[in-house]
Amino acid sequence: MEIYIDGQWLPKETAKVSVFDHGLLYGDGVFEGIRIYSRRIFRLAAHLDRLYASAQALALTVPLERTAMQAAVQEAVRRNRQEDGYIRLIVTRGAGDLGIDPRTCPHSSVIIIVTDIRVYPRDLYAGGVKVITSATRQVSHEAFDPRVKSLNYLKNILAKIDAQRAGAHEAIMLNSAGYIAECTADNLFVVRGARLLTPSPQDGALEGVTRGAVLELAAEAGVDAAEAHLTRYDVYTADECFLTGTGAELMPVAEVDGRPIAQGKPGPITRRLTEAFHALVRHEGEPLW
């Protein structure tokens, strides 16, 4: 494994960051998780759009121009000969003094890791996952816009702990108004009366790349899809429910807060969109070698 750190290619054993990096000390930075399918990077342009937008929102200067960043990500995949897998692209504020003042960090830092990934066991995709509602709420727009994909994931981790302690695989996070925002690492979709619905970014949902692809595939398949204010009632009484994410792809939900969703197994729209997504990722874009 070769890891990119600020222009150098280093083996895993010697790839190090400073203990004074503000990404480590304060979660001051942004990141993207990106999938590789059949030597193709899935929607790298969309991921870079979000990375640079997140950095702009944090007044964080990305030290590479976009074309150079794209080339570095592609080179990382080539060097690691990763046919299928995962890319973690990170930009931190860089090393500085103790204290949160970003002016003490003269240079931001870029890290690119290419590796394997498996978020859920394969058998769960046939039967679906169990989900609970976490007591941990999504951060309010009044404090910090959830559309920024920052390194500070503490709220998500706390919600994930809630799920694990309840014997579930994932947790729904509500916003301060009680509407569903997202899950700890995934976007959420429900099917109600043949309509596909998902929370909007204004309710605290990350503008997920896989989420966007699913909305496109739904439109192509003639499925009526829209963003909507959703509460737990909409999930409990849904005809189908599934999660989307770079790591999870499309994961059916069988149960929420102890309530089975419909028949407790993947529904027809979930299966249809899953098949369409798998076909899309294997053929979109050109292979890197």
Protein backbone atom coordinates (compact mmCIF):
# COMPACT_ATOMS: atom_id res chain seq x y z
CA MET A 1 0.00 0.00 0.00
CA GLU A 2 1.29 3.44 -1.01
CA ILE A 3 -0.20 6.47 0.74
CA TYR A 4 0.02 10.02 -0.58
CA ILE A 5 0.95 12.69 1.96
CA ASP A 6 1.73 16.19 0.69
CA GLY A 7 3.38 15.12 -2.54
CA GLN A 8 5.18 12.05 -1.17
CA TRP A 9 4.29 8.40 -1.70
CA LEU A 10 4.91 6.42 1.46
CA PRO A 11 4.37 2.81 2.55
CA LYS A 12 1.69 2.28 5.19
CA GLU A 13 4.32 1.53 7.84
CA THR A 14 6.02 4.93 7.50
CA ALA A 15 3.07 7.15 6.52
CA LYS A 16 2.80 9.57 9.47
CA VAL A 17 1.19 12.90 10.32
CA SER A 18 2.30 15.41 12.94
CA VAL A 19 0.81 15.21 16.43
CA PHE A 20 0.34 18.98 16.03
CA ASP A 21 -1.88 18.61 12.95
CA HIS A 22 -5.13 20.42 13.68
CA GLY A 23 -7.04 17.69 11.89
CA LEU A 24 -5.96 15.35 14.70
CA LEU A 25 -6.17 17.87 17.51
CA TYR A 26 -9.47 19.54 16.66
CA GLY A 27 -11.11 17.73 13.73
CA ASP A 28 -10.22 20.76 11.60
CA GLY A 29 -10.41 19.49 8.05
CA VAL A 30 -12.59 17.90 5.40
CA PHE A 31 -12.68 14.53 3.68
CA GLU A 32 -14.32 12.42 1.00
CA GLY A 33 -14.94 8.69 0.79
CA ILE A 34 -14.89 7.55 -2.83
CA ARG A 35 -15.51 4.14 -4.40
CA ILE A 36 -13.54 2.29 -7.06
CA TYR A 37 -15.41 -0.14 -9.31
CA SER A 38 -13.68 -2.16 -12.03
CA ARG A 39 -10.71 0.23 -12.04
CA ARG A 40 -13.11 3.18 -12.40
CA ILE A 41 -13.38 5.94 -9.79
CA PHE A 42 -17.08 6.53 -9.24
CA ARG A 43 -18.07 10.17 -9.71
CA LEU A 44 -14.76 11.69 -8.72
CA ALA A 45 -15.89 15.07 -10.08
CA ALA A 46 -18.90 15.15 -7.71
CA HIS A 47 -16.70 14.22 -4.75
CA LEU A 48 -14.19 16.93 -5.60
CA ASP A 49 -17.03 19.45 -5.94
CA ARG A 50 -18.12 18.65 -2.40
CA LEU A 51 -14.55 18.58 -1.03
CA TYR A 52 -13.71 22.03 -2.36
CA ALA A 53 -17.09 23.43 -1.30
CA SER A 54 -16.63 22.05 2.23
CA ALA A 55 -13.15 23.56 2.39
CA GLN A 56 -14.46 26.91 1.17
CA ALA A 57 -17.10 26.87 3.91
CA LEU A 58 -14.36 26.30 6.52
CA ALA A 59 -12.04 28.96 5.05
CA LEU A 60 -9.60 26.11 4.45
CA THR A 61 -7.22 26.48 1.51
CA VAL A 62 -6.78 23.23 -0.42
CA PRO A 63 -3.09 23.19 -1.39
CA LEU A 64 -3.69 21.47 -4.73
CA GLU A 65 -5.57 22.87 -7.69
CA ARG A 66 -8.49 20.73 -8.74
CA THR A 67 -6.76 19.19 -11.77
CA ALA A 68 -3.71 18.30 -9.67
CA MET A 69 -5.94 16.79 -6.98
CA GLN A 70 -7.76 14.70 -9.56
CA ALA A 71 -4.46 13.47 -10.97
CA ALA A 72 -3.16 12.60 -7.49
CA VAL A 73 -6.28 10.55 -6.68
CA GLN A 74 -6.05 8.69 -9.98
CA GLU A 75 -2.35 8.03 -9.46
CA ALA A 76 -3.06 6.65 -5.98
CA VAL A 77 -5.46 4.10 -7.46
CA ARG A 78 -2.97 3.14 -10.18
CA ARG A 79 -0.06 2.77 -7.78
CA ASN A 80 -2.08 0.50 -5.53
CA ARG A 81 -3.55 -1.47 -8.46
CA GLN A 82 -6.96 -1.32 -6.78
CA GLU A 83 -9.58 -2.91 -9.04
CA ASP A 84 -12.41 -2.41 -6.55
CA GLY A 85 -12.14 -0.57 -3.27
CA TYR A 86 -12.24 2.72 -1.45
CA ILE A 87 -10.40 6.03 -1.47
CA ARG A 88 -10.17 8.26 1.60
CA LEU A 89 -9.23 11.78 0.52
CA ILE A 90 -8.43 14.13 3.42
CA VAL A 91 -7.48 17.78 3.67
CA THR A 92 -6.47 18.99 7.14
CA ARG A 93 -5.64 22.47 8.37
CA GLY A 94 -2.09 21.17 8.84
CA ALA A 95 0.38 21.32 11.69
CA GLY A 96 0.35 24.34 14.00
CA ASP A 97 0.54 25.36 17.62
CA LEU A 98 -1.69 24.04 20.38
CA GLY A 99 -4.88 26.10 20.46
CA ILE A 100 -7.60 26.40 17.87
CA ASP A 101 -6.27 29.47 16.05
CA PRO A 102 -5.96 28.34 12.40
CA ARG A 103 -3.45 31.09 11.68
CA THR A 104 -0.78 29.02 13.42
CA CYS A 105 -1.05 26.41 10.63
CA PRO A 106 1.00 27.75 7.70
CA HIS A 107 0.28 24.87 5.33
CA SER A 108 -2.76 22.62 4.95
CA SER A 109 -2.14 18.94 4.30
CA VAL A 110 -3.49 16.41 1.77
CA ILE A 111 -3.66 12.67 2.45
CA ILE A 112 -4.92 10.00 0.02
CA ILE A 113 -5.46 6.40 1.15
CA VAL A 114 -6.57 3.60 -1.16
CA THR A 115 -7.76 0.38 0.44
CA ASP A 116 -10.44 -2.33 0.57
CA ILE A 117 -13.86 -1.75 2.11
CA ARG A 118 -16.79 -3.74 3.40
CA VAL A 119 -19.25 -1.83 5.58
CA TYR A 120 -21.82 -4.62 5.99
CA PRO A 121 -21.65 -8.40 5.59
CA ARG A 122 -22.89 -9.49 2.18
CA ASP A 123 -25.81 -11.53 3.56
CA LEU A 124 -27.44 -8.41 5.03
CA TYR A 125 -28.12 -7.07 1.54
CA ALA A 126 -30.59 -9.91 1.02
CA GLY A 127 -32.43 -9.50 4.30
CA GLY A 128 -31.88 -5.89 5.36
CA VAL A 129 -30.51 -4.19 8.46
CA LYS A 130 -31.98 -3.22 11.81
CA VAL A 131 -32.08 0.51 12.54
CA ILE A 132 -32.89 2.48 15.68
CA THR A 133 -33.48 6.17 16.33
CA SER A 134 -30.61 7.72 18.25
CA ALA A 135 -31.03 10.25 21.03
CA THR A 136 -28.10 12.14 19.48
CA ARG A 137 -29.40 14.89 17.20
CA GLN A 138 -27.99 16.22 13.96
CA VAL A 139 -26.19 19.54 14.45
CA SER A 140 -28.34 22.59 13.74
CA HIS A 141 -27.75 24.87 10.76
CA GLU A 142 -27.62 27.65 13.34
CA ALA A 143 -24.30 26.20 14.54
CA PHE A 144 -22.73 24.39 11.60
CA ASP A 145 -24.06 23.42 8.17
CA PRO A 146 -24.31 19.60 7.95
CA ARG A 147 -23.54 19.78 4.23
CA VAL A 148 -19.88 20.30 5.16
CA LYS A 149 -18.22 16.89 5.26
CA SER A 150 -15.77 17.67 8.04
CA LEU A 151 -13.41 15.49 10.04
CA ASN A 152 -15.49 16.10 13.17
CA TYR A 153 -17.78 13.04 13.29
CA LEU A 154 -18.32 12.82 17.03
CA LYS A 155 -22.11 13.13 16.84
CA ASN A 156 -22.20 10.33 14.27
CA ILE A 157 -19.98 8.14 16.44
CA LEU A 158 -22.22 8.67 19.45
CA ALA A 159 -25.27 7.70 17.40
CA LYS A 160 -23.42 4.62 16.11
CA ILE A 161 -22.69 3.61 19.71
CA ASP A 162 -26.43 3.92 20.41
CA ALA A 163 -27.11 1.54 17.52
CA GLN A 164 -24.51 -0.98 18.62
CA ARG A 165 -25.74 -1.02 22.20
CA ALA A 166 -29.29 -1.59 20.97
CA GLY A 167 -28.19 -4.52 18.81
CA ALA A 168 -28.85 -2.58 15.59
CA HIS A 169 -26.69 -1.91 12.55
CA GLU A 170 -27.47 1.78 12.03
CA ALA A 171 -29.10 4.74 13.73
CA ILE A 172 -31.36 7.50 12.45
CA MET A 173 -30.42 11.02 13.53
CA LEU A 174 -33.19 13.59 13.90
CA ASN A 175 -32.74 17.33 13.64
CA SER A 176 -33.73 19.80 16.35
CA ALA A 177 -37.27 20.01 14.93
CA GLY A 178 -37.75 16.24 15.10
CA TYR A 179 -37.48 15.60 11.37
CA ILE A 180 -35.21 12.87 10.05
CA ALA A 181 -31.84 14.18 8.87
CA GLU A 182 -29.79 11.11 7.99
CA CYS A 183 -28.18 8.06 9.54
CA THR A 184 -24.71 7.92 11.07
CA ALA A 185 -22.98 7.24 7.75
CA ASP A 186 -25.81 6.93 5.23
CA ASN A 187 -28.68 8.79 3.67
CA LEU A 188 -32.18 7.39 4.17
CA PHE A 189 -34.96 6.72 1.64
CA VAL A 190 -38.52 5.52 2.10
CA VAL A 191 -41.12 4.35 -0.39
CA ARG A 192 -44.66 5.43 0.42
CA GLY A 193 -47.46 4.76 -2.05
CA ALA A 194 -45.01 4.22 -4.94
CA ARG A 195 -43.26 7.56 -4.17
CA LEU A 196 -39.58 7.60 -3.24
CA LEU A 197 -38.85 10.17 -0.53
CA THR A 198 -35.64 11.31 1.16
CA PRO A 199 -34.77 14.08 3.65
CA SER A 200 -33.46 17.32 2.20
CA PRO A 201 -30.16 19.03 3.04
CA GLN A 202 -32.21 21.72 4.78
CA ASP A 203 -33.27 19.05 7.28
CA GLY A 204 -29.64 18.04 7.87
CA ALA A 205 -29.04 15.41 5.19
CA LEU A 206 -25.62 15.26 3.59
CA GLU A 207 -25.83 15.70 -0.17
CA GLY A 208 -24.55 12.19 -0.71
CA VAL A 209 -23.06 11.21 -4.05
CA THR A 210 -24.75 7.80 -3.94
CA ARG A 211 -27.96 9.54 -2.88
CA GLY A 212 -27.72 11.73 -5.98
CA ALA A 213 -27.10 8.73 -8.23
CA VAL A 214 -30.18 6.96 -6.82
CA LEU A 215 -32.36 10.00 -7.46
CA GLU A 216 -31.11 10.04 -11.06
CA LEU A 217 -31.77 6.32 -11.48
CA ALA A 218 -35.26 6.71 -10.04
CA ALA A 219 -36.05 9.42 -12.59
CA GLU A 220 -34.78 7.21 -15.42
CA ALA A 221 -36.91 4.33 -14.15
CA GLY A 222 -40.04 6.47 -13.96
CA VAL A 223 -40.19 6.36 -10.17
CA ASP A 224 -41.62 9.53 -8.64
CA ALA A 225 -38.89 10.76 -6.29
CA ALA A 226 -38.65 13.88 -4.14
CA GLU A 227 -37.11 15.42 -1.05
CA ALA A 228 -39.53 15.71 1.86
CA HIS A 229 -39.84 16.46 5.55
CA LEU A 230 -39.90 12.98 7.10
CA THR A 231 -40.65 11.91 10.65
CA ARG A 232 -40.35 8.49 12.24
CA TYR A 233 -44.02 7.92 11.40
CA ASP A 234 -43.13 8.04 7.70
CA VAL A 235 -40.51 5.35 8.24
CA TYR A 236 -42.62 3.14 10.52
CA THR A 237 -45.46 3.09 7.98
CA ALA A 238 -43.32 2.94 4.83
CA ASP A 239 -43.78 0.34 2.12
CA GLU A 240 -40.00 0.13 1.76
CA CYS A 241 -36.95 1.73 3.32
CA PHE A 242 -33.28 1.67 2.36
CA LEU A 243 -30.01 3.44 3.07
CA THR A 244 -27.46 4.80 0.62
CA GLY A 245 -23.80 5.64 1.05
CA THR A 246 -20.41 5.31 -0.58
CA GLY A 247 -19.53 2.37 1.63
CA ALA A 248 -22.99 0.84 2.06
CA GLU A 249 -24.15 1.40 -1.53
CA LEU A 250 -27.91 0.55 -1.30
CA MET A 251 -28.80 -1.29 1.89
CA PRO A 252 -32.39 -2.43 2.57
CA VAL A 253 -33.86 -1.72 6.00
CA ALA A 254 -35.85 -4.55 7.54
CA GLU A 255 -36.70 -3.04 10.92
CA VAL A 256 -36.74 0.38 12.61
CA ASP A 257 -37.12 0.77 16.37
CA GLY A 258 -38.39 -2.80 16.63
CA ARG A 259 -41.03 -2.29 13.94
CA PRO A 260 -40.74 -4.38 10.75
CA ILE A 261 -40.82 -2.35 7.55
CA ALA A 262 -43.61 -3.78 5.38
CA GLN A 263 -42.75 -7.49 5.09
CA GLY A 264 -39.36 -7.07 6.73
CA LYS A 265 -37.49 -7.68 3.48
CA PRO A 266 -36.34 -5.64 0.45
CA GLY A 267 -39.22 -4.34 -1.65
CA PRO A 268 -39.53 -4.14 -5.45
CA ILE A 269 -38.37 -0.52 -5.84
CA THR A 270 -35.38 -1.14 -3.59
CA ARG A 271 -34.42 -4.21 -5.64
CA ARG A 272 -34.94 -2.37 -8.92
CA LEU A 273 -32.80 0.60 -7.94
CA THR A 274 -30.11 -1.67 -6.49
CA GLU A 275 -29.81 -3.53 -9.78
CA ALA A 276 -29.68 -0.25 -11.71
CA PHE A 277 -26.99 1.12 -9.38
CA HIS A 278 -24.80 -1.97 -9.74
CA ALA A 279 -25.07 -1.71 -13.53
CA LEU A 280 -24.22 2.00 -13.41
CA VAL A 281 -21.05 1.75 -11.30
CA ARG A 282 -19.55 -1.01 -13.43
CA HIS A 283 -19.78 0.97 -16.66
CA GLU A 284 -19.73 4.70 -15.86
CA GLY A 285 -16.42 6.32 -16.76
CA GLU A 286 -13.21 4.99 -18.22
CA PRO A 287 -10.97 2.43 -16.46
CA LEU A 288 -7.66 3.83 -15.22
CA TRP A 289 -5.59 1.06 -16.81
